[in-house]
Amino acid sequence: MTPFLSTLAALVAPALAAAEEHSEAAVNPWIVGGGALLILLVLLAGVVGFGGGREHS
């Protein structure tokens, strides 16, 4: 094996080993989704509240 290929293999091997490991997500996806939904609903309430007394153009 050439020195380039052995160096390349040494660099790629840890990445392949890490990709094969399966672990749980660090943060629960339901919490992230619920937080994003809450932020969007608060922003929507702010927009509706801000434009509530205006005439339509």
N, C-alpha and C. Protein backbone atom coordinates (compact mmCIF):
# COMPACT_ATOMS: atom_id res chain seq x y z
N MET A 1 0.85 -1.18 0.00
CA MET A 1 0.00 0.00 0.00
C MET A 1 0.90 1.24 0.00
N THR A 2 0.51 2.20 -0.78
CA THR A 2 1.32 3.42 -0.86
C THR A 2 1.13 4.25 0.40
N PRO A 3 2.06 5.12 0.67
CA PRO A 3 1.92 5.96 1.87
C PRO A 3 0.67 6.83 1.84
N PHE A 4 0.28 7.29 0.64
CA PHE A 4 -0.93 8.12 0.52
C PHE A 4 -2.17 7.33 0.91
N LEU A 5 -2.26 6.09 0.42
CA LEU A 5 -3.44 5.28 0.73
C LEU A 5 -3.48 4.88 2.19
N SER A 6 -2.33 4.59 2.78
CA SER A 6 -2.33 4.22 4.19
C SER A 6 -2.70 5.42 5.06
N THR A 7 -2.25 6.60 4.67
CA THR A 7 -2.63 7.81 5.41
C THR A 7 -4.12 8.08 5.26
N LEU A 8 -4.62 7.91 4.05
CA LEU A 8 -6.04 8.12 3.79
C LEU A 8 -6.88 7.11 4.58
N ALA A 9 -6.45 5.87 4.60
CA ALA A 9 -7.18 4.84 5.35
C ALA A 9 -7.16 5.15 6.85
N ALA A 10 -6.04 5.67 7.34
CA ALA A 10 -5.94 6.02 8.77
C ALA A 10 -6.86 7.18 9.11
N LEU A 11 -7.09 8.08 8.16
CA LEU A 11 -7.98 9.21 8.41
C LEU A 11 -9.45 8.81 8.29
N VAL A 12 -9.76 7.88 7.40
CA VAL A 12 -11.15 7.52 7.12
C VAL A 12 -11.67 6.48 8.11
N ALA A 13 -10.82 5.64 8.62
CA ALA A 13 -11.25 4.54 9.50
C ALA A 13 -12.01 5.03 10.74
N PRO A 14 -11.55 6.05 11.47
CA PRO A 14 -12.34 6.50 12.63
C PRO A 14 -13.70 7.06 12.24
N ALA A 15 -13.77 7.72 11.09
CA ALA A 15 -15.06 8.26 10.64
C ALA A 15 -16.02 7.13 10.31
N LEU A 16 -15.53 6.10 9.68
CA LEU A 16 -16.39 4.95 9.36
C LEU A 16 -16.84 4.24 10.63
N ALA A 17 -15.95 4.12 11.60
CA ALA A 17 -16.32 3.47 12.86
C ALA A 17 -17.37 4.29 13.60
N ALA A 18 -17.25 5.60 13.56
CA ALA A 18 -18.23 6.45 14.24
C ALA A 18 -19.57 6.41 13.53
N ALA A 19 -19.55 6.27 12.21
CA ALA A 19 -20.80 6.23 11.45
C ALA A 19 -21.55 4.92 11.71
N GLU A 20 -20.82 3.86 12.01
CA GLU A 20 -21.46 2.57 12.26
C GLU A 20 -22.11 2.50 13.63
N GLU A 21 -21.64 3.32 14.57
CA GLU A 21 -22.24 3.32 15.90
C GLU A 21 -23.62 3.96 15.82
N HIS A 22 -24.56 3.36 16.51
CA HIS A 22 -25.91 3.90 16.53
C HIS A 22 -26.23 4.31 17.95
N SER A 23 -26.55 5.57 18.13
CA SER A 23 -26.88 6.04 19.47
C SER A 23 -28.11 6.93 19.40
N GLU A 24 -28.71 7.17 20.54
CA GLU A 24 -29.89 8.02 20.62
C GLU A 24 -29.50 9.48 20.40
N ALA A 25 -30.46 10.26 19.95
CA ALA A 25 -30.22 11.68 19.75
C ALA A 25 -29.96 12.35 21.10
N ALA A 26 -29.16 13.41 21.09
CA ALA A 26 -28.81 14.09 22.33
C ALA A 26 -30.04 14.78 22.93
N VAL A 27 -30.89 15.33 22.08
CA VAL A 27 -32.09 16.02 22.53
C VAL A 27 -33.29 15.31 21.90
N ASN A 28 -34.33 15.14 22.67
CA ASN A 28 -35.53 14.48 22.17
C ASN A 28 -36.14 15.32 21.03
N PRO A 29 -36.37 14.72 19.88
CA PRO A 29 -36.92 15.48 18.74
C PRO A 29 -38.30 16.07 19.04
N TRP A 30 -39.08 15.44 19.90
CA TRP A 30 -40.40 15.98 20.26
C TRP A 30 -40.25 17.30 21.01
N ILE A 31 -39.21 17.41 21.83
CA ILE A 31 -38.99 18.65 22.58
C ILE A 31 -38.58 19.77 21.63
N VAL A 32 -37.72 19.46 20.68
CA VAL A 32 -37.28 20.46 19.71
C VAL A 32 -38.47 20.92 18.86
N GLY A 33 -39.27 19.97 18.39
CA GLY A 33 -40.44 20.31 17.59
C GLY A 33 -41.47 21.11 18.37
N GLY A 34 -41.70 20.72 19.62
CA GLY A 34 -42.64 21.46 20.46
C GLY A 34 -42.16 22.87 20.75
N GLY A 35 -40.87 23.03 20.97
CA GLY A 35 -40.31 24.36 21.20
C GLY A 35 -40.42 25.24 19.97
N ALA A 36 -40.15 24.67 18.79
CA ALA A 36 -40.29 25.43 17.55
C ALA A 36 -41.74 25.83 17.31
N LEU A 37 -42.67 24.91 17.58
CA LEU A 37 -44.10 25.22 17.42
C LEU A 37 -44.51 26.33 18.39
N LEU A 38 -44.04 26.26 19.61
CA LEU A 38 -44.38 27.29 20.59
C LEU A 38 -43.86 28.66 20.15
N ILE A 39 -42.64 28.71 19.67
CA ILE A 39 -42.08 29.98 19.19
C ILE A 39 -42.90 30.53 18.04
N LEU A 40 -43.27 29.67 17.09
CA LEU A 40 -44.05 30.13 15.94
C LEU A 40 -45.44 30.60 16.35
N LEU A 41 -46.06 29.92 17.30
CA LEU A 41 -47.38 30.36 17.77
C LEU A 41 -47.30 31.70 18.50
N VAL A 42 -46.24 31.91 19.27
CA VAL A 42 -46.07 33.19 19.95
C VAL A 42 -45.86 34.30 18.92
N LEU A 43 -45.06 34.04 17.89
CA LEU A 43 -44.86 35.04 16.83
C LEU A 43 -46.16 35.32 16.10
N LEU A 44 -46.95 34.29 15.82
CA LEU A 44 -48.24 34.48 15.16
C LEU A 44 -49.17 35.32 16.02
N ALA A 45 -49.21 35.05 17.31
CA ALA A 45 -50.05 35.85 18.21
C ALA A 45 -49.60 37.30 18.23
N GLY A 46 -48.29 37.53 18.17
CA GLY A 46 -47.78 38.89 18.13
C GLY A 46 -48.18 39.62 16.86
N VAL A 47 -48.13 38.94 15.74
CA VAL A 47 -48.53 39.56 14.46
C VAL A 47 -50.01 39.86 14.45
N VAL A 48 -50.81 38.93 14.93
CA VAL A 48 -52.27 39.15 14.96
C VAL A 48 -52.61 40.26 15.94
N GLY A 49 -51.94 40.28 17.09
CA GLY A 49 -52.18 41.32 18.08
C GLY A 49 -51.74 42.69 17.58
N PHE A 50 -50.66 42.75 16.86
CA PHE A 50 -50.14 44.02 16.36
C PHE A 50 -51.05 44.62 15.30
N GLY A 51 -51.60 43.78 14.44
CA GLY A 51 -52.43 44.27 13.34
C GLY A 51 -53.91 44.17 13.63
N GLY A 52 -54.30 43.91 14.87
CA GLY A 52 -55.72 43.70 15.20
C GLY A 52 -56.62 44.90 14.98
N GLY A 53 -56.13 46.13 15.24
CA GLY A 53 -57.00 47.29 15.15
C GLY A 53 -56.87 48.06 13.86
N ARG A 54 -56.16 47.53 12.89
CA ARG A 54 -55.92 48.27 11.66
C ARG A 54 -57.00 47.96 10.61
N GLU A 55 -57.19 48.94 9.77
CA GLU A 55 -58.10 48.75 8.62
C GLU A 55 -57.40 47.94 7.55
N HIS A 56 -58.17 47.21 6.79
CA HIS A 56 -57.61 46.46 5.68
C HIS A 56 -57.41 47.40 4.50
N SER A 57 -56.32 47.22 3.79
CA SER A 57 -56.05 48.11 2.66
C SER A 57 -56.44 47.48 1.34
